[in-house]
Amino acid sequence: MASKEEVVSILNDLIQTCRDSHEAFERAADNVHRVDLKTPLNELSHQQAIFAGELEDQVRSLGGEPAKRGHLGSLLERGLGEIGSRFKEKDDPAILAECQKVADDSLRHYQHALNEDLPADVRMIVQRHFQAVQAALSQLRTMEIARRA
């Protein structure tokens, strides 16, 4: 079984990942041109914010301090990236492709967490989030296919 400190570290990585995904989907929704894409992207953004909150609660219940910002927030502080530039001046297919990359990255973080020996209650939450992110990726791919039709 992973120590409390290891579990907190794993959960904080997921919190950062959720915050990054939340911001990315929000920016994507702001930048897509087709109105029918805005609502699902905003819903995905909202879902990631909820997931971050659930994970923060778990960190606190373990006596830890939740991560304050996402991975990208740390990069921005050091001047190494700009999330908004991923979506500005791009067409809808490019924005959807970027969103798929965000979801793929999120899945990798969740898979890494699930490879660890987490407490059963934490594992259930992480597994539920993982499945939801898989569904989100499928939804993004479906939106791309529908866009091409």
Protein backbone atom coordinates (compact mmCIF):
# COMPACT_ATOMS: atom_id res chain seq x y z
CA MET A 1 0.00 0.00 0.00
CA ALA A 2 1.28 3.43 -0.91
CA SER A 3 2.07 5.70 2.04
CA LYS A 4 -0.19 8.68 2.78
CA GLU A 5 2.49 11.00 1.40
CA GLU A 6 2.68 8.99 -1.83
CA VAL A 7 -1.10 8.97 -2.19
CA VAL A 8 -1.22 12.74 -1.61
CA SER A 9 1.47 13.22 -4.26
CA ILE A 10 -0.42 11.05 -6.75
CA LEU A 11 -3.68 12.88 -6.05
CA ASN A 12 -1.97 16.27 -6.37
CA ASP A 13 -0.67 15.24 -9.79
CA LEU A 14 -4.26 14.41 -10.78
CA ILE A 15 -5.52 17.71 -9.33
CA GLN A 16 -2.99 19.56 -11.48
CA THR A 17 -4.02 17.49 -14.49
CA CYS A 18 -7.71 18.26 -13.89
CA ARG A 19 -6.98 21.97 -13.57
CA ASP A 20 -5.04 21.93 -16.82
CA SER A 21 -7.86 20.05 -18.56
CA HIS A 22 -10.48 22.38 -17.10
CA GLU A 23 -8.66 25.42 -18.42
CA ALA A 24 -7.90 23.84 -21.79
CA PHE A 25 -11.51 22.80 -22.44
CA GLU A 26 -12.72 26.21 -21.27
CA ARG A 27 -10.35 27.98 -23.66
CA ALA A 28 -11.33 25.60 -26.45
CA ALA A 29 -15.02 26.39 -25.87
CA ASP A 30 -14.20 30.10 -26.02
CA ASN A 31 -12.34 29.70 -29.32
CA VAL A 32 -14.41 27.24 -31.36
CA HIS A 33 -16.49 28.80 -34.07
CA ARG A 34 -19.34 26.29 -34.22
CA VAL A 35 -21.89 26.94 -31.50
CA ASP A 36 -22.78 23.22 -31.22
CA LEU A 37 -19.23 22.51 -30.00
CA LYS A 38 -19.24 25.13 -27.25
CA THR A 39 -21.67 23.38 -24.90
CA PRO A 40 -19.96 19.97 -24.84
CA LEU A 41 -16.55 21.59 -24.36
CA ASN A 42 -17.90 23.73 -21.51
CA GLU A 43 -19.42 20.60 -19.95
CA LEU A 44 -16.06 18.81 -20.16
CA SER A 45 -14.40 21.82 -18.55
CA HIS A 46 -16.95 21.82 -15.74
CA GLN A 47 -16.50 18.09 -15.21
CA GLN A 48 -12.75 18.55 -14.77
CA ALA A 49 -13.33 21.31 -12.20
CA ILE A 50 -15.62 18.97 -10.24
CA PHE A 51 -13.02 16.20 -10.40
CA ALA A 52 -10.34 18.55 -9.08
CA GLY A 53 -12.61 19.42 -6.15
CA GLU A 54 -13.26 15.76 -5.35
CA LEU A 55 -9.55 15.01 -5.40
CA GLU A 56 -8.81 18.04 -3.22
CA ASP A 57 -11.26 16.66 -0.64
CA GLN A 58 -9.40 13.34 -0.68
CA VAL A 59 -6.05 15.08 -0.18
CA ARG A 60 -7.44 17.01 2.78
CA SER A 61 -8.92 13.84 4.29
CA LEU A 62 -5.42 12.35 4.18
CA GLY A 63 -4.02 15.38 6.01
CA GLY A 64 -2.35 16.81 2.91
CA GLU A 65 -2.39 20.16 1.19
CA PRO A 66 -4.02 20.16 -2.30
CA ALA A 67 -2.00 21.47 -5.22
CA LYS A 68 -2.72 25.17 -5.80
CA ARG A 69 -2.39 25.23 -9.59
CA GLY A 70 -2.11 22.96 -12.59
CA HIS A 71 1.03 21.70 -14.26
CA LEU A 72 0.69 24.48 -16.84
CA GLY A 73 0.31 27.09 -14.10
CA SER A 74 3.73 26.15 -12.83
CA LEU A 75 5.12 26.38 -16.37
CA LEU A 76 3.50 29.77 -16.89
CA GLU A 77 5.09 31.03 -13.71
CA ARG A 78 8.44 30.11 -15.21
CA GLY A 79 7.46 31.56 -18.59
CA LEU A 80 7.54 28.21 -20.38
CA GLY A 81 4.12 28.04 -21.95
CA GLU A 82 0.78 29.64 -22.68
CA ILE A 83 -2.33 27.50 -22.71
CA GLY A 84 -4.35 30.03 -24.67
CA SER A 85 -1.95 29.87 -27.60
CA ARG A 86 -2.95 26.22 -28.10
CA PHE A 87 -6.35 27.38 -29.33
CA LYS A 88 -6.11 30.95 -30.63
CA GLU A 89 -6.31 31.48 -34.36
CA LYS A 90 -7.02 27.79 -35.00
CA ASP A 91 -9.95 26.30 -36.83
CA ASP A 92 -12.39 23.96 -35.15
CA PRO A 93 -10.72 20.72 -36.33
CA ALA A 94 -7.39 21.89 -34.89
CA ILE A 95 -9.06 22.85 -31.61
CA LEU A 96 -10.76 19.45 -31.36
CA ALA A 97 -7.41 17.77 -32.07
CA GLU A 98 -5.82 19.77 -29.24
CA CYS A 99 -8.67 18.75 -26.93
CA GLN A 100 -8.05 15.11 -27.79
CA LYS A 101 -4.39 15.58 -26.85
CA VAL A 102 -5.47 17.08 -23.52
CA ALA A 103 -7.76 14.11 -22.82
CA ASP A 104 -5.03 11.64 -23.87
CA ASP A 105 -2.60 13.31 -21.49
CA SER A 106 -5.16 13.20 -18.70
CA LEU A 107 -5.71 9.48 -19.32
CA ARG A 108 -1.97 8.86 -18.99
CA HIS A 109 -1.92 10.56 -15.60
CA TYR A 110 -4.94 8.58 -14.41
CA GLN A 111 -3.46 5.32 -15.71
CA HIS A 112 -0.25 6.06 -13.82
CA ALA A 113 -2.27 6.61 -10.65
CA LEU A 114 -4.21 3.39 -11.16
CA ASN A 115 -0.93 1.50 -11.50
CA GLU A 116 -0.15 2.45 -7.89
CA ASP A 117 -1.36 0.61 -4.79
CA LEU A 118 -4.02 3.13 -3.73
CA PRO A 119 -6.44 2.74 -0.82
CA ALA A 120 -9.76 1.25 -1.99
CA ASP A 121 -11.80 4.45 -1.49
CA VAL A 122 -9.28 6.55 -3.41
CA ARG A 123 -8.98 3.91 -6.16
CA MET A 124 -12.77 4.00 -6.67
CA ILE A 125 -12.71 7.76 -7.23
CA VAL A 126 -9.68 7.62 -9.53
CA GLN A 127 -11.24 4.73 -11.50
CA ARG A 128 -14.52 6.66 -11.90
CA HIS A 129 -12.63 9.73 -13.13
CA PHE A 130 -10.54 7.58 -15.50
CA GLN A 131 -13.69 6.11 -17.03
CA ALA A 132 -15.23 9.56 -17.41
CA VAL A 133 -12.09 10.86 -19.15
CA GLN A 134 -12.20 7.83 -21.47
CA ALA A 135 -15.81 8.73 -22.29
CA ALA A 136 -14.79 12.37 -22.84
CA LEU A 137 -12.10 11.29 -25.29
CA SER A 138 -14.64 9.15 -27.11
CA GLN A 139 -17.02 12.12 -27.20
CA LEU A 140 -14.29 14.35 -28.64
CA ARG A 141 -13.54 11.79 -31.34
CA THR A 142 -17.26 11.54 -32.13
CA MET A 143 -17.48 15.34 -32.42
CA GLU A 144 -14.55 15.24 -34.87
CA ILE A 145 -16.18 12.49 -36.95
CA ALA A 146 -19.52 14.33 -36.96
CA ARG A 147 -17.74 17.52 -37.98
CA ARG A 148 -16.27 15.76 -41.01
CA ALA A 149 -19.66 14.34 -42.11
